[in-house]
C-alpha atoms as a PDB file:
ATOM      1  CA  UNK A   1     209.351 207.451 310.747  1.00  0.00           C
ATOM      2  CA  UNK A   2     211.568 209.702 307.848  1.00  0.00           C
ATOM      3  CA  UNK A   3     210.080 211.032 305.508  1.00  0.00           C
ATOM      4  CA  UNK A   4     210.866 212.349 302.608  1.00  0.00           C
ATOM      5  CA  UNK A   5     209.969 214.892 299.496  1.00  0.00           C
ATOM      6  CA  UNK A   6     208.940 212.695 296.426  1.00  0.00           C
ATOM      7  CA  UNK A   7     210.684 214.272 293.469  1.00  0.00           C
ATOM      8  CA  UNK A   8     208.767 217.927 292.410  1.00  0.00           C
ATOM      9  CA  UNK A   9     205.511 216.306 293.391  1.00  0.00           C
ATOM     10  CA  UNK A  10     205.455 218.270 296.347  1.00  0.00           C
ATOM     11  CA  UNK A  11     204.301 214.975 298.664  1.00  0.00           C
ATOM     12  CA  UNK A  12     205.957 213.920 301.645  1.00  0.00           C
ATOM     13  CA  UNK A  13     206.531 210.327 301.630  1.00  0.00           C
ATOM     14  CA  UNK A  14     207.788 207.844 304.299  1.00  0.00           C
ATOM     15  CA  UNK A  15     211.235 206.293 304.303  1.00  0.00           C
ATOM     16  CA  UNK A  16     208.626 202.949 303.591  1.00  0.00           C
ATOM     17  CA  UNK A  17     205.688 201.764 302.051  1.00  0.00           C
ATOM     18  CA  UNK A  18     203.902 198.507 302.919  1.00  0.00           C
ATOM     19  CA  UNK A  19     203.285 196.657 300.108  1.00  0.00           C
ATOM     20  CA  UNK A  20     199.156 195.266 299.627  1.00  0.00           C
ATOM     21  CA  UNK A  21     200.600 192.256 297.640  1.00  0.00           C
ATOM     22  CA  UNK A  22     198.571 189.433 300.075  1.00  0.00           C
ATOM     23  CA  UNK A  23     195.677 191.295 300.322  1.00  0.00           C
ATOM     24  CA  UNK A  24     192.985 189.402 298.389  1.00  0.00           C
ATOM     25  CA  UNK A  25     195.442 186.232 298.377  1.00  0.00           C
ATOM     26  CA  UNK A  26     193.612 184.904 295.425  1.00  0.00           C
ATOM     27  CA  UNK A  27     195.094 182.020 292.920  1.00  0.00           C
ATOM     28  CA  UNK A  28     197.894 180.129 292.728  1.00  0.00           C
ATOM     29  CA  UNK A  29     200.847 183.285 292.873  1.00  0.00           C
ATOM     30  CA  UNK A  30     199.130 185.637 295.010  1.00  0.00           C
ATOM     31  CA  UNK A  31     197.459 182.728 297.128  1.00  0.00           C
ATOM     32  CA  UNK A  32     201.179 181.692 297.880  1.00  0.00           C
ATOM     33  CA  UNK A  33     202.042 185.180 299.031  1.00  0.00           C
ATOM     34  CA  UNK A  34     199.360 185.385 301.115  1.00  0.00           C
ATOM     35  CA  UNK A  35     195.955 185.436 301.568  1.00  0.00           C
ATOM     36  CA  UNK A  36     194.914 188.425 303.939  1.00  0.00           C
ATOM     37  CA  UNK A  37     191.346 189.709 304.364  1.00  0.00           C
ATOM     38  CA  UNK A  38     190.242 192.936 305.215  1.00  0.00           C
ATOM     39  CA  UNK A  39     189.930 192.158 309.169  1.00  0.00           C
ATOM     40  CA  UNK A  40     194.146 191.528 309.127  1.00  0.00           C
ATOM     41  CA  UNK A  41     194.395 193.655 306.022  1.00  0.00           C
ATOM     42  CA  UNK A  42     192.704 196.333 308.704  1.00  0.00           C
ATOM     43  CA  UNK A  43     195.324 195.264 311.806  1.00  0.00           C
ATOM     44  CA  UNK A  44     197.547 195.862 309.367  1.00  0.00           C
ATOM     45  CA  UNK A  45     196.863 199.495 308.017  1.00  0.00           C
ATOM     46  CA  UNK A  46     196.541 200.370 311.859  1.00  0.00           C
ATOM     47  CA  UNK A  47     200.389 199.008 312.262  1.00  0.00           C
ATOM     48  CA  UNK A  48     201.359 200.859 309.649  1.00  0.00           C
ATOM     49  CA  UNK A  49     199.893 203.938 310.309  1.00  0.00           C
ATOM     50  CA  UNK A  50     200.481 203.683 314.128  1.00  0.00           C
ATOM     51  CA  UNK A  51     204.299 203.685 312.879  1.00  0.00           C
ATOM     52  CA  UNK A  52     204.448 206.561 310.676  1.00  0.00           C
ATOM     53  CA  UNK A  53     204.105 204.511 307.553  1.00  0.00           C
ATOM     54  CA  UNK A  54     200.861 205.825 305.678  1.00  0.00           C
ATOM     55  CA  UNK A  55     202.542 204.612 301.658  1.00  0.00           C
ATOM     56  CA  UNK A  56     201.279 201.641 300.922  1.00  0.00           C
ATOM     57  CA  UNK A  57     201.828 199.919 297.121  1.00  0.00           C
ATOM     58  CA  UNK A  58     199.345 197.348 295.151  1.00  0.00           C
ATOM     59  CA  UNK A  59     198.852 196.895 291.973  1.00  0.00           C
ATOM     60  CA  UNK A  60     195.712 196.329 289.917  1.00  0.00           C
ATOM     61  CA  UNK A  61     197.058 192.393 288.165  1.00  0.00           C
ATOM     62  CA  UNK A  62     197.612 191.680 292.116  1.00  0.00           C
ATOM     63  CA  UNK A  63     194.709 188.979 292.774  1.00  0.00           C
ATOM     64  CA  UNK A  64     193.238 190.637 289.956  1.00  0.00           C
ATOM     65  CA  UNK A  65     191.902 193.658 291.626  1.00  0.00           C
ATOM     66  CA  UNK A  66     190.789 192.396 294.976  1.00  0.00           C
ATOM     67  CA  UNK A  67     194.223 193.577 296.620  1.00  0.00           C
ATOM     68  CA  UNK A  68     193.163 196.806 295.755  1.00  0.00           C
ATOM     69  CA  UNK A  69     189.745 196.242 296.956  1.00  0.00           C
ATOM     70  CA  UNK A  70     190.989 194.957 300.905  1.00  0.00           C
ATOM     71  CA  UNK A  71     193.218 197.518 300.690  1.00  0.00           C
ATOM     72  CA  UNK A  72     190.385 199.782 300.115  1.00  0.00           C
ATOM     73  CA  UNK A  73     187.802 198.765 302.816  1.00  0.00           C
ATOM     74  CA  UNK A  74     191.047 198.718 305.489  1.00  0.00           C
ATOM     75  CA  UNK A  75     191.794 202.382 304.948  1.00  0.00           C
ATOM     76  CA  UNK A  76     187.980 203.133 305.422  1.00  0.00           C
ATOM     77  CA  UNK A  77     186.644 206.533 306.706  1.00  0.00           C
ATOM     78  CA  UNK A  78     190.901 207.103 306.590  1.00  0.00           C
ATOM     79  CA  UNK A  79     191.482 207.684 302.781  1.00  0.00           C
ATOM     80  CA  UNK A  80     192.943 211.471 303.313  1.00  0.00           C
ATOM     81  CA  UNK A  81     194.881 210.083 305.675  1.00  0.00           C
ATOM     82  CA  UNK A  82     197.168 207.669 303.443  1.00  0.00           C
ATOM     83  CA  UNK A  83     198.794 207.229 299.942  1.00  0.00           C
ATOM     84  CA  UNK A  84     198.342 204.777 298.009  1.00  0.00           C
ATOM     85  CA  UNK A  85     200.463 203.565 294.680  1.00  0.00           C
ATOM     86  CA  UNK A  86     199.076 201.806 292.370  1.00  0.00           C
ATOM     87  CA  UNK A  87     200.726 199.773 289.285  1.00  0.00           C
ATOM     88  CA  UNK A  88     199.158 198.701 286.060  1.00  0.00           C
ATOM     89  CA  UNK A  89     200.306 197.624 282.402  1.00  0.00           C
ATOM     90  CA  UNK A  90     200.235 194.000 282.673  1.00  0.00           C
ATOM     91  CA  UNK A  91     196.958 192.447 281.212  1.00  0.00           C
ATOM     92  CA  UNK A  92     193.744 192.275 283.369  1.00  0.00           C
ATOM     93  CA  UNK A  93     191.585 190.867 280.339  1.00  0.00           C
ATOM     94  CA  UNK A  94     192.153 189.556 277.109  1.00  0.00           C
ATOM     95  CA  UNK A  95     190.260 192.670 275.149  1.00  0.00           C
ATOM     96  CA  UNK A  96     193.659 194.586 272.646  1.00  0.00           C
ATOM     97  CA  UNK A  97     193.679 197.317 274.633  1.00  0.00           C
ATOM     98  CA  UNK A  98     193.323 194.952 278.744  1.00  0.00           C
ATOM     99  CA  UNK A  99     197.196 195.777 278.967  1.00  0.00           C
ATOM    100  CA  UNK A 100     199.836 197.926 278.619  1.00  0.00           C
ATOM    101  CA  UNK A 101     200.142 202.058 278.909  1.00  0.00           C
ATOM    102  CA  UNK A 102     198.431 203.536 276.346  1.00  0.00           C
ATOM    103  CA  UNK A 103     196.681 207.142 277.815  1.00  0.00           C
ATOM    104  CA  UNK A 104     193.085 205.048 277.528  1.00  0.00           C
ATOM    105  CA  UNK A 105     194.311 202.280 279.478  1.00  0.00           C
ATOM    106  CA  UNK A 106     196.054 204.328 282.539  1.00  0.00           C
ATOM    107  CA  UNK A 107     193.019 206.070 282.558  1.00  0.00           C
ATOM    108  CA  UNK A 108     190.810 203.073 282.960  1.00  0.00           C
ATOM    109  CA  UNK A 109     193.312 201.513 285.031  1.00  0.00           C
ATOM    110  CA  UNK A 110     193.022 204.946 287.537  1.00  0.00           C
ATOM    111  CA  UNK A 111     188.964 204.747 286.793  1.00  0.00           C
ATOM    112  CA  UNK A 112     189.030 201.423 288.385  1.00  0.00           C
ATOM    113  CA  UNK A 113     191.776 202.079 291.111  1.00  0.00           C
ATOM    114  CA  UNK A 114     189.614 204.662 292.591  1.00  0.00           C
ATOM    115  CA  UNK A 115     186.668 202.387 292.223  1.00  0.00           C
ATOM    116  CA  UNK A 116     188.187 199.155 294.370  1.00  0.00           C
END
């Protein structure tokens, strides 16, 4: 696998990453993408790691957090071997601060992602 520097972060990331949008598969939109459960997700993560792909992409809005939960289960015991990129800003609730990119929203999204 070819690895590249990620800006000035000091991290080396693979040229390819794995998108976890199918993990969880809840609702009409994400269900149409696929429905990978924890067992299938572990198998896919294993395949990625064997190929040198250790960067996994997800978002809090993917299946209302289920993608992050399934990914968390799939990497259990291997957290130090992987990098995870997640995204936020789309609505995750009905409150006035449940969407967007405010400092408060970003901190909450990070805490929620780490918990999942």
